[in-house]
Amino acid sequence: MEPRRPSETISVLTRWMGVADANAAGYVHGGAIMRLCDEVAGIAAIRHCGVRVVTAGMDRMTFLHPVYVGQLVTVRATVNAAWRTSMEVGVRVEAENLLTGKVVHVSSAHLVFVSIDAEGRPVGLPPLIVETADDRRRMQAAEQRRAARLRRSTPA
């Protein structure tokens, strides 16, 4: 298992949102955005570990701005932290009005993935090499979120 840098895990998906993605009011369904987040985060996770992964969870996702039919949505993902068999991937969603060029930050989320073997059993992950101050900040924040997740999952 060769260690990886967060920069080696960066994944970007861009999609032009159409009528099939929206409700009757012309807003893109949150679920369509969440699916893109899961896809791009899964790609980043596989780039980190080089094996199959499954989504274990997603932290709260709040939509700051609506996404409309005809906008270009760009979703970026990077591995923030890697533990024994799980990792956290940070995702940022932006929507662009192609006519005006205006880009807005729509949402951010953190997804947890588990690396698995061919039989579906968890397997070990390579370490994440943090090099920059931003990498360290993301890893520290991921550690705090992980601790909070673990506290919530532990029976009282």
N, C-alpha and C. Protein backbone atom coordinates (compact mmCIF):
# COMPACT_ATOMS: atom_id res chain seq x y z
N MET A 1 0.84 -1.19 0.00
CA MET A 1 0.00 0.00 0.00
C MET A 1 0.88 1.24 0.00
N GLU A 2 0.95 1.86 -1.11
CA GLU A 2 1.75 3.06 -1.24
C GLU A 2 0.99 4.29 -0.75
N PRO A 3 1.60 5.09 0.13
CA PRO A 3 0.92 6.30 0.61
C PRO A 3 0.55 7.23 -0.55
N ARG A 4 -0.52 7.98 -0.38
CA ARG A 4 -0.99 8.91 -1.40
C ARG A 4 -1.14 10.31 -0.81
N ARG A 5 -1.02 11.30 -1.67
CA ARG A 5 -1.24 12.70 -1.29
C ARG A 5 -2.69 13.06 -1.63
N PRO A 6 -3.30 13.98 -0.90
CA PRO A 6 -4.65 14.42 -1.26
C PRO A 6 -4.73 14.90 -2.71
N SER A 7 -3.69 15.56 -3.19
CA SER A 7 -3.70 16.07 -4.57
C SER A 7 -3.80 14.94 -5.60
N GLU A 8 -3.40 13.72 -5.23
CA GLU A 8 -3.50 12.58 -6.14
C GLU A 8 -4.90 11.99 -6.18
N THR A 9 -5.77 12.42 -5.27
CA THR A 9 -7.12 11.87 -5.19
C THR A 9 -8.17 12.81 -5.79
N ILE A 10 -7.78 14.00 -6.17
CA ILE A 10 -8.75 15.00 -6.65
C ILE A 10 -9.55 14.44 -7.83
N SER A 11 -10.86 14.61 -7.73
CA SER A 11 -11.77 14.17 -8.79
C SER A 11 -12.76 15.29 -9.06
N VAL A 12 -13.12 15.46 -10.33
CA VAL A 12 -14.05 16.52 -10.73
C VAL A 12 -15.06 15.94 -11.72
N LEU A 13 -16.33 16.18 -11.46
CA LEU A 13 -17.40 15.83 -12.39
C LEU A 13 -18.15 17.11 -12.74
N THR A 14 -18.46 17.27 -14.01
CA THR A 14 -19.24 18.42 -14.45
C THR A 14 -20.42 17.90 -15.24
N ARG A 15 -21.60 18.46 -14.94
CA ARG A 15 -22.80 18.00 -15.62
C ARG A 15 -23.73 19.17 -15.89
N TRP A 16 -24.25 19.21 -17.09
CA TRP A 16 -25.24 20.21 -17.47
C TRP A 16 -26.59 19.66 -17.02
N MET A 17 -27.27 20.38 -16.14
CA MET A 17 -28.50 19.89 -15.54
C MET A 17 -29.68 20.09 -16.48
N GLY A 18 -30.45 19.02 -16.69
CA GLY A 18 -31.56 19.05 -17.62
C GLY A 18 -32.91 18.89 -16.95
N VAL A 19 -33.94 18.83 -17.75
CA VAL A 19 -35.32 18.73 -17.26
C VAL A 19 -35.52 17.45 -16.44
N ALA A 20 -34.86 16.37 -16.82
CA ALA A 20 -35.01 15.10 -16.10
C ALA A 20 -34.46 15.18 -14.68
N ASP A 21 -33.64 16.19 -14.39
CA ASP A 21 -33.04 16.35 -13.06
C ASP A 21 -33.89 17.21 -12.14
N ALA A 22 -34.98 17.79 -12.67
CA ALA A 22 -35.68 18.85 -11.94
C ALA A 22 -37.12 18.50 -11.59
N ASN A 23 -37.64 19.34 -10.68
CA ASN A 23 -39.05 19.26 -10.34
C ASN A 23 -39.84 20.22 -11.22
N ALA A 24 -41.15 20.33 -10.99
CA ALA A 24 -42.01 21.17 -11.83
C ALA A 24 -41.68 22.65 -11.73
N ALA A 25 -41.04 23.07 -10.66
CA ALA A 25 -40.69 24.48 -10.48
C ALA A 25 -39.38 24.84 -11.20
N GLY A 26 -38.69 23.84 -11.76
CA GLY A 26 -37.45 24.11 -12.46
C GLY A 26 -36.21 24.03 -11.59
N TYR A 27 -36.37 23.61 -10.34
CA TYR A 27 -35.23 23.41 -9.44
C TYR A 27 -34.72 21.99 -9.60
N VAL A 28 -33.41 21.83 -9.61
CA VAL A 28 -32.83 20.49 -9.67
C VAL A 28 -33.04 19.81 -8.32
N HIS A 29 -33.46 18.54 -8.36
CA HIS A 29 -33.69 17.77 -7.14
C HIS A 29 -32.39 17.65 -6.33
N GLY A 30 -32.50 17.80 -5.02
CA GLY A 30 -31.34 17.62 -4.15
C GLY A 30 -30.73 16.25 -4.30
N GLY A 31 -31.58 15.25 -4.53
CA GLY A 31 -31.08 13.89 -4.71
C GLY A 31 -30.19 13.74 -5.93
N ALA A 32 -30.48 14.51 -6.98
CA ALA A 32 -29.62 14.47 -8.18
C ALA A 32 -28.24 15.02 -7.85
N ILE A 33 -28.20 16.07 -7.04
CA ILE A 33 -26.92 16.65 -6.62
C ILE A 33 -26.18 15.68 -5.69
N MET A 34 -26.93 15.05 -4.78
CA MET A 34 -26.31 14.10 -3.86
C MET A 34 -25.71 12.91 -4.60
N ARG A 35 -26.38 12.47 -5.66
CA ARG A 35 -25.84 11.36 -6.45
C ARG A 35 -24.50 11.75 -7.08
N LEU A 36 -24.43 12.96 -7.63
CA LEU A 36 -23.16 13.43 -8.21
C LEU A 36 -22.07 13.47 -7.14
N CYS A 37 -22.43 13.91 -5.94
CA CYS A 37 -21.47 13.95 -4.83
C CYS A 37 -20.94 12.56 -4.52
N ASP A 38 -21.84 11.58 -4.47
CA ASP A 38 -21.45 10.21 -4.17
C ASP A 38 -20.54 9.67 -5.26
N GLU A 39 -20.85 9.96 -6.51
CA GLU A 39 -20.03 9.48 -7.63
C GLU A 39 -18.62 10.06 -7.59
N VAL A 40 -18.52 11.39 -7.47
CA VAL A 40 -17.19 12.01 -7.50
C VAL A 40 -16.38 11.63 -6.27
N ALA A 41 -17.04 11.51 -5.12
CA ALA A 41 -16.33 11.11 -3.90
C ALA A 41 -15.85 9.67 -4.02
N GLY A 42 -16.65 8.80 -4.62
CA GLY A 42 -16.23 7.42 -4.83
C GLY A 42 -15.00 7.32 -5.72
N ILE A 43 -14.95 8.16 -6.74
CA ILE A 43 -13.78 8.19 -7.62
C ILE A 43 -12.54 8.61 -6.83
N ALA A 44 -12.67 9.65 -6.01
CA ALA A 44 -11.53 10.10 -5.19
C ALA A 44 -11.09 9.00 -4.24
N ALA A 45 -12.05 8.30 -3.64
CA ALA A 45 -11.72 7.22 -2.70
C ALA A 45 -10.96 6.09 -3.41
N ILE A 46 -11.42 5.71 -4.59
CA ILE A 46 -10.74 4.64 -5.34
C ILE A 46 -9.34 5.10 -5.77
N ARG A 47 -9.22 6.37 -6.13
CA ARG A 47 -7.88 6.88 -6.48
C ARG A 47 -6.93 6.78 -5.29
N HIS A 48 -7.46 6.92 -4.09
CA HIS A 48 -6.60 6.82 -2.90
C HIS A 48 -6.15 5.38 -2.66
N CYS A 49 -7.10 4.45 -2.70
CA CYS A 49 -6.76 3.10 -2.26
C CYS A 49 -6.56 2.07 -3.37
N GLY A 50 -7.09 2.33 -4.57
CA GLY A 50 -6.91 1.41 -5.67
C GLY A 50 -7.71 0.11 -5.56
N VAL A 51 -8.72 0.10 -4.70
CA VAL A 51 -9.60 -1.07 -4.59
C VAL A 51 -11.05 -0.58 -4.56
N ARG A 52 -11.98 -1.54 -4.56
CA ARG A 52 -13.40 -1.18 -4.49
C ARG A 52 -13.71 -0.49 -3.18
N VAL A 53 -14.69 0.40 -3.23
CA VAL A 53 -15.13 1.10 -2.02
C VAL A 53 -16.66 1.11 -1.98
N VAL A 54 -17.19 1.26 -0.77
CA VAL A 54 -18.63 1.44 -0.59
C VAL A 54 -18.85 2.69 0.27
N THR A 55 -19.95 3.36 0.01
CA THR A 55 -20.30 4.54 0.79
C THR A 55 -20.85 4.08 2.13
N ALA A 56 -20.25 4.57 3.21
CA ALA A 56 -20.71 4.22 4.56
C ALA A 56 -21.62 5.32 5.12
N GLY A 57 -21.45 6.55 4.66
CA GLY A 57 -22.30 7.62 5.17
C GLY A 57 -21.95 8.96 4.57
N MET A 58 -22.87 9.89 4.77
CA MET A 58 -22.68 11.27 4.33
C MET A 58 -23.09 12.17 5.48
N ASP A 59 -22.23 13.11 5.82
CA ASP A 59 -22.61 14.09 6.83
C ASP A 59 -23.69 14.99 6.26
N ARG A 60 -24.27 15.75 7.11
CA ARG A 60 -25.35 16.67 6.72
C ARG A 60 -24.98 17.47 5.48
N MET A 61 -25.95 17.59 4.60
CA MET A 61 -25.74 18.36 3.37
C MET A 61 -26.79 19.46 3.33
N THR A 62 -26.35 20.69 3.36
CA THR A 62 -27.24 21.84 3.31
C THR A 62 -27.05 22.53 1.97
N PHE A 63 -28.18 22.89 1.34
CA PHE A 63 -28.12 23.59 0.06
C PHE A 63 -28.19 25.09 0.31
N LEU A 64 -27.15 25.80 -0.08
CA LEU A 64 -27.05 27.24 0.14
C LEU A 64 -27.79 28.03 -0.93
N HIS A 65 -27.85 27.47 -2.15
CA HIS A 65 -28.51 28.11 -3.28
C HIS A 65 -29.18 27.03 -4.11
N PRO A 66 -30.28 27.35 -4.77
CA PRO A 66 -30.90 26.36 -5.66
C PRO A 66 -30.07 26.19 -6.94
N VAL A 67 -30.26 25.05 -7.57
CA VAL A 67 -29.66 24.78 -8.88
C VAL A 67 -30.82 24.69 -9.86
N TYR A 68 -30.69 25.37 -10.98
CA TYR A 68 -31.76 25.43 -11.97
C TYR A 68 -31.42 24.62 -13.21
N VAL A 69 -32.46 24.19 -13.91
CA VAL A 69 -32.28 23.52 -15.19
C VAL A 69 -31.48 24.45 -16.09
N GLY A 70 -30.52 23.90 -16.82
CA GLY A 70 -29.68 24.68 -17.71
C GLY A 70 -28.37 25.13 -17.09
N GLN A 71 -28.23 24.98 -15.77
CA GLN A 71 -26.97 25.35 -15.14
C GLN A 71 -25.97 24.20 -15.25
N LEU A 72 -24.70 24.56 -15.23
CA LEU A 72 -23.62 23.60 -15.24
C LEU A 72 -23.21 23.37 -13.78
N VAL A 73 -23.26 22.12 -13.35
CA VAL A 73 -22.88 21.80 -11.98
C VAL A 73 -21.52 21.13 -12.00
N THR A 74 -20.61 21.63 -11.18
CA THR A 74 -19.28 21.05 -11.03
C THR A 74 -19.12 20.58 -9.60
N VAL A 75 -18.73 19.33 -9.44
CA VAL A 75 -18.57 18.71 -8.12
C VAL A 75 -17.12 18.25 -8.01
N ARG A 76 -16.44 18.73 -6.97
CA ARG A 76 -15.02 18.41 -6.75
C ARG A 76 -14.88 17.62 -5.46
N ALA A 77 -14.00 16.63 -5.48
CA ALA A 77 -13.79 15.80 -4.28
C ALA A 77 -12.31 15.56 -4.05
N THR A 78 -11.96 15.45 -2.76
CA THR A 78 -10.59 15.16 -2.34
C THR A 78 -10.65 14.34 -1.06
N VAL A 79 -9.78 13.35 -0.93
CA VAL A 79 -9.70 12.60 0.32
C VAL A 79 -9.10 13.52 1.39
N ASN A 80 -9.82 13.64 2.51
CA ASN A 80 -9.37 14.49 3.62
C ASN A 80 -8.55 13.72 4.65
N ALA A 81 -8.92 12.45 4.88
CA ALA A 81 -8.25 11.64 5.90
C ALA A 81 -8.48 10.17 5.59
N ALA A 82 -7.52 9.35 5.98
CA ALA A 82 -7.64 7.90 5.81
C ALA A 82 -7.27 7.23 7.12
N TRP A 83 -8.10 6.28 7.52
CA TRP A 83 -7.86 5.53 8.75
C TRP A 83 -7.54 4.08 8.39
N ARG A 84 -7.90 3.14 9.21
CA ARG A 84 -7.53 1.74 8.95
C ARG A 84 -8.22 1.20 7.69
N THR A 85 -9.56 1.25 7.64
CA THR A 85 -10.29 0.75 6.48
C THR A 85 -11.29 1.77 5.94
N SER A 86 -11.39 2.92 6.59
CA SER A 86 -12.33 3.95 6.13
C SER A 86 -11.60 5.25 5.86
N MET A 87 -12.25 6.09 5.07
CA MET A 87 -11.67 7.40 4.74
C MET A 87 -12.79 8.41 4.59
N GLU A 88 -12.45 9.68 4.81
CA GLU A 88 -13.39 10.76 4.59
C GLU A 88 -13.01 11.50 3.32
N VAL A 89 -14.03 11.78 2.50
CA VAL A 89 -13.83 12.54 1.27
C VAL A 89 -14.66 13.81 1.36
N GLY A 90 -14.01 14.95 1.13
CA GLY A 90 -14.71 16.23 1.11
C GLY A 90 -15.17 16.56 -0.29
N VAL A 91 -16.38 17.11 -0.40
CA VAL A 91 -16.97 17.43 -1.70
C VAL A 91 -17.47 18.87 -1.68
N ARG A 92 -17.24 19.58 -2.78
CA ARG A 92 -17.74 20.94 -2.98
C ARG A 92 -18.54 20.99 -4.28
N VAL A 93 -19.74 21.58 -4.21
CA VAL A 93 -20.64 21.67 -5.36
C VAL A 93 -20.79 23.14 -5.76
N GLU A 94 -20.60 23.41 -7.04
CA GLU A 94 -20.79 24.76 -7.58
C GLU A 94 -21.71 24.69 -8.79
N ALA A 95 -22.52 25.73 -8.96
CA ALA A 95 -23.40 25.83 -10.12
C ALA A 95 -23.03 27.07 -10.91
N GLU A 96 -23.00 26.93 -12.23
CA GLU A 96 -22.63 28.04 -13.10
C GLU A 96 -23.77 28.35 -14.07
N ASN A 97 -24.12 29.64 -14.12
CA ASN A 97 -25.05 30.11 -15.13
C ASN A 97 -24.22 30.36 -16.38
N LEU A 98 -24.43 29.56 -17.40
CA LEU A 98 -23.60 29.65 -18.59
C LEU A 98 -23.80 30.95 -19.36
N LEU A 99 -24.96 31.58 -19.21
CA LEU A 99 -25.23 32.82 -19.94
C LEU A 99 -24.53 34.02 -19.32
N THR A 100 -24.41 34.00 -17.97
CA THR A 100 -23.79 35.14 -17.29
C THR A 100 -22.38 34.84 -16.81
N GLY A 101 -22.05 33.55 -16.69
CA GLY A 101 -20.74 33.16 -16.17
C GLY A 101 -20.68 33.18 -14.65
N LYS A 102 -21.77 33.53 -13.98
CA LYS A 102 -21.79 33.58 -12.52
C LYS A 102 -21.75 32.17 -11.93
N VAL A 103 -20.82 31.96 -10.99
CA VAL A 103 -20.65 30.68 -10.31
C VAL A 103 -20.99 30.87 -8.84
N VAL A 104 -21.83 29.97 -8.30
CA VAL A 104 -22.16 30.03 -6.88
C VAL A 104 -21.83 28.70 -6.21
N HIS A 105 -21.39 28.81 -4.96
CA HIS A 105 -21.15 27.63 -4.12
C HIS A 105 -22.51 27.14 -3.65
N VAL A 106 -22.89 25.95 -4.06
CA VAL A 106 -24.21 25.41 -3.76
C VAL A 106 -24.22 24.62 -2.46
N SER A 107 -23.20 23.80 -2.25
CA SER A 107 -23.19 22.93 -1.08
C SER A 107 -21.81 22.32 -0.89
N SER A 108 -21.60 21.80 0.31
CA SER A 108 -20.42 21.01 0.63
C SER A 108 -20.88 19.82 1.47
N ALA A 109 -20.13 18.75 1.40
CA ALA A 109 -20.47 17.57 2.19
C ALA A 109 -19.21 16.76 2.46
N HIS A 110 -19.32 15.86 3.42
CA HIS A 110 -18.25 14.93 3.74
C HIS A 110 -18.84 13.53 3.71
N LEU A 111 -18.23 12.67 2.91
CA LEU A 111 -18.69 11.29 2.78
C LEU A 111 -17.64 10.35 3.34
N VAL A 112 -18.10 9.26 3.92
CA VAL A 112 -17.20 8.24 4.45
C VAL A 112 -17.32 7.00 3.58
N PHE A 113 -16.17 6.47 3.18
CA PHE A 113 -16.11 5.27 2.37
C PHE A 113 -15.30 4.21 3.10
N VAL A 114 -15.64 2.95 2.84
CA VAL A 114 -14.89 1.82 3.36
C VAL A 114 -14.34 1.06 2.16
N SER A 115 -13.06 0.70 2.24
CA SER A 115 -12.43 -0.07 1.17
C SER A 115 -12.75 -1.55 1.40
N ILE A 116 -13.06 -2.27 0.31
CA ILE A 116 -13.46 -3.67 0.46
C ILE A 116 -12.73 -4.55 -0.56
N ASP A 117 -12.65 -5.84 -0.21
CA ASP A 117 -12.08 -6.81 -1.14
C ASP A 117 -13.19 -7.41 -2.00
N ALA A 118 -12.86 -8.40 -2.81
CA ALA A 118 -13.82 -8.99 -3.74
C ALA A 118 -14.99 -9.67 -3.02
N GLU A 119 -14.79 -10.08 -1.77
CA GLU A 119 -15.86 -10.72 -1.00
C GLU A 119 -16.66 -9.71 -0.18
N GLY A 120 -16.29 -8.43 -0.28
CA GLY A 120 -17.02 -7.39 0.45
C GLY A 120 -16.52 -7.16 1.87
N ARG A 121 -15.37 -7.71 2.20
CA ARG A 121 -14.79 -7.50 3.54
C ARG A 121 -13.88 -6.28 3.54
N PRO A 122 -13.90 -5.49 4.62
CA PRO A 122 -13.03 -4.32 4.69
C PRO A 122 -11.56 -4.70 4.57
N VAL A 123 -10.81 -3.86 3.86
CA VAL A 123 -9.37 -4.06 3.72
C VAL A 123 -8.65 -2.78 4.11
N GLY A 124 -7.39 -2.92 4.46
CA GLY A 124 -6.58 -1.80 4.91
C GLY A 124 -6.36 -0.75 3.83
N LEU A 125 -6.19 0.49 4.29
CA LEU A 125 -5.97 1.63 3.40
C LEU A 125 -4.53 2.10 3.47
N PRO A 126 -4.03 2.65 2.37
CA PRO A 126 -2.71 3.30 2.44
C PRO A 126 -2.83 4.60 3.24
N PRO A 127 -1.74 5.02 3.86
CA PRO A 127 -1.77 6.29 4.59
C PRO A 127 -1.93 7.48 3.64
N LEU A 128 -2.43 8.56 4.18
CA LEU A 128 -2.56 9.81 3.44
C LEU A 128 -1.40 10.71 3.86
N ILE A 129 -0.65 11.20 2.89
CA ILE A 129 0.48 12.09 3.17
C ILE A 129 -0.02 13.54 3.08
N VAL A 130 -0.01 14.23 4.21
CA VAL A 130 -0.42 15.64 4.18
C VAL A 130 0.83 16.50 4.05
N GLU A 131 0.78 17.42 3.10
CA GLU A 131 1.96 18.24 2.82
C GLU A 131 1.73 19.72 3.06
N THR A 132 0.53 20.18 2.80
CA THR A 132 0.27 21.62 2.88
C THR A 132 -0.52 21.95 4.15
N ALA A 133 -0.56 23.23 4.46
CA ALA A 133 -1.35 23.69 5.61
C ALA A 133 -2.82 23.38 5.39
N ASP A 134 -3.28 23.49 4.15
CA ASP A 134 -4.68 23.17 3.84
C ASP A 134 -4.94 21.68 4.03
N ASP A 135 -4.00 20.83 3.63
CA ASP A 135 -4.14 19.38 3.85
C ASP A 135 -4.26 19.08 5.34
N ARG A 136 -3.40 19.73 6.15
CA ARG A 136 -3.42 19.50 7.60
C ARG A 136 -4.73 19.97 8.22
N ARG A 137 -5.22 21.13 7.77
CA ARG A 137 -6.48 21.66 8.29
C ARG A 137 -7.63 20.70 7.97
N ARG A 138 -7.66 20.21 6.74
CA ARG A 138 -8.72 19.27 6.34
C ARG A 138 -8.64 17.97 7.14
N MET A 139 -7.43 17.47 7.35
CA MET A 139 -7.27 16.23 8.11
C MET A 139 -7.70 16.42 9.56
N GLN A 140 -7.31 17.52 10.17
CA GLN A 140 -7.71 17.78 11.56
C GLN A 140 -9.23 17.90 11.69
N ALA A 141 -9.85 18.60 10.76
CA ALA A 141 -11.31 18.73 10.79
C ALA A 141 -11.97 17.37 10.57
N ALA A 142 -11.39 16.54 9.70
CA ALA A 142 -11.92 15.19 9.46
C ALA A 142 -11.82 14.35 10.72
N GLU A 143 -10.72 14.47 11.44
CA GLU A 143 -10.56 13.73 12.70
C GLU A 143 -11.64 14.13 13.70
N GLN A 144 -11.95 15.41 13.78
CA GLN A 144 -13.01 15.88 14.69
C GLN A 144 -14.37 15.34 14.27
N ARG A 145 -14.66 15.38 12.98
CA ARG A 145 -15.94 14.85 12.50
C ARG A 145 -16.04 13.35 12.76
N ARG A 146 -14.92 12.64 12.56
CA ARG A 146 -14.92 11.19 12.82
C ARG A 146 -15.20 10.90 14.28
N ALA A 147 -14.56 11.64 15.17
CA ALA A 147 -14.81 11.45 16.61
C ALA A 147 -16.28 11.69 16.94
N ALA A 148 -16.86 12.72 16.34
CA ALA A 148 -18.29 13.01 16.58
C ALA A 148 -19.17 11.89 16.02
N ARG A 149 -18.83 11.37 14.84
CA ARG A 149 -19.60 10.25 14.26
C ARG A 149 -19.53 9.03 15.17
N LEU A 150 -18.34 8.73 15.67
CA LEU A 150 -18.16 7.58 16.54
C LEU A 150 -18.93 7.74 17.84
N ARG A 151 -18.95 8.96 18.39
CA ARG A 151 -19.73 9.20 19.62
C ARG A 151 -21.21 8.98 19.36
N ARG A 152 -21.71 9.44 18.20
CA ARG A 152 -23.12 9.26 17.87
C ARG A 152 -23.50 7.81 17.65
N SER A 153 -22.56 7.00 17.16
CA SER A 153 -22.87 5.60 16.84
C SER A 153 -22.70 4.67 18.03
N THR A 154 -22.11 5.16 19.12
CA THR A 154 -21.91 4.34 20.30
C THR A 154 -23.18 4.36 21.16
N PRO A 155 -23.72 3.17 21.49
CA PRO A 155 -24.93 3.14 22.33
C PRO A 155 -24.67 3.75 23.70
N ALA A 156 -25.68 4.41 24.23
CA ALA A 156 -25.55 5.08 25.54
C ALA A 156 -25.59 4.08 26.67
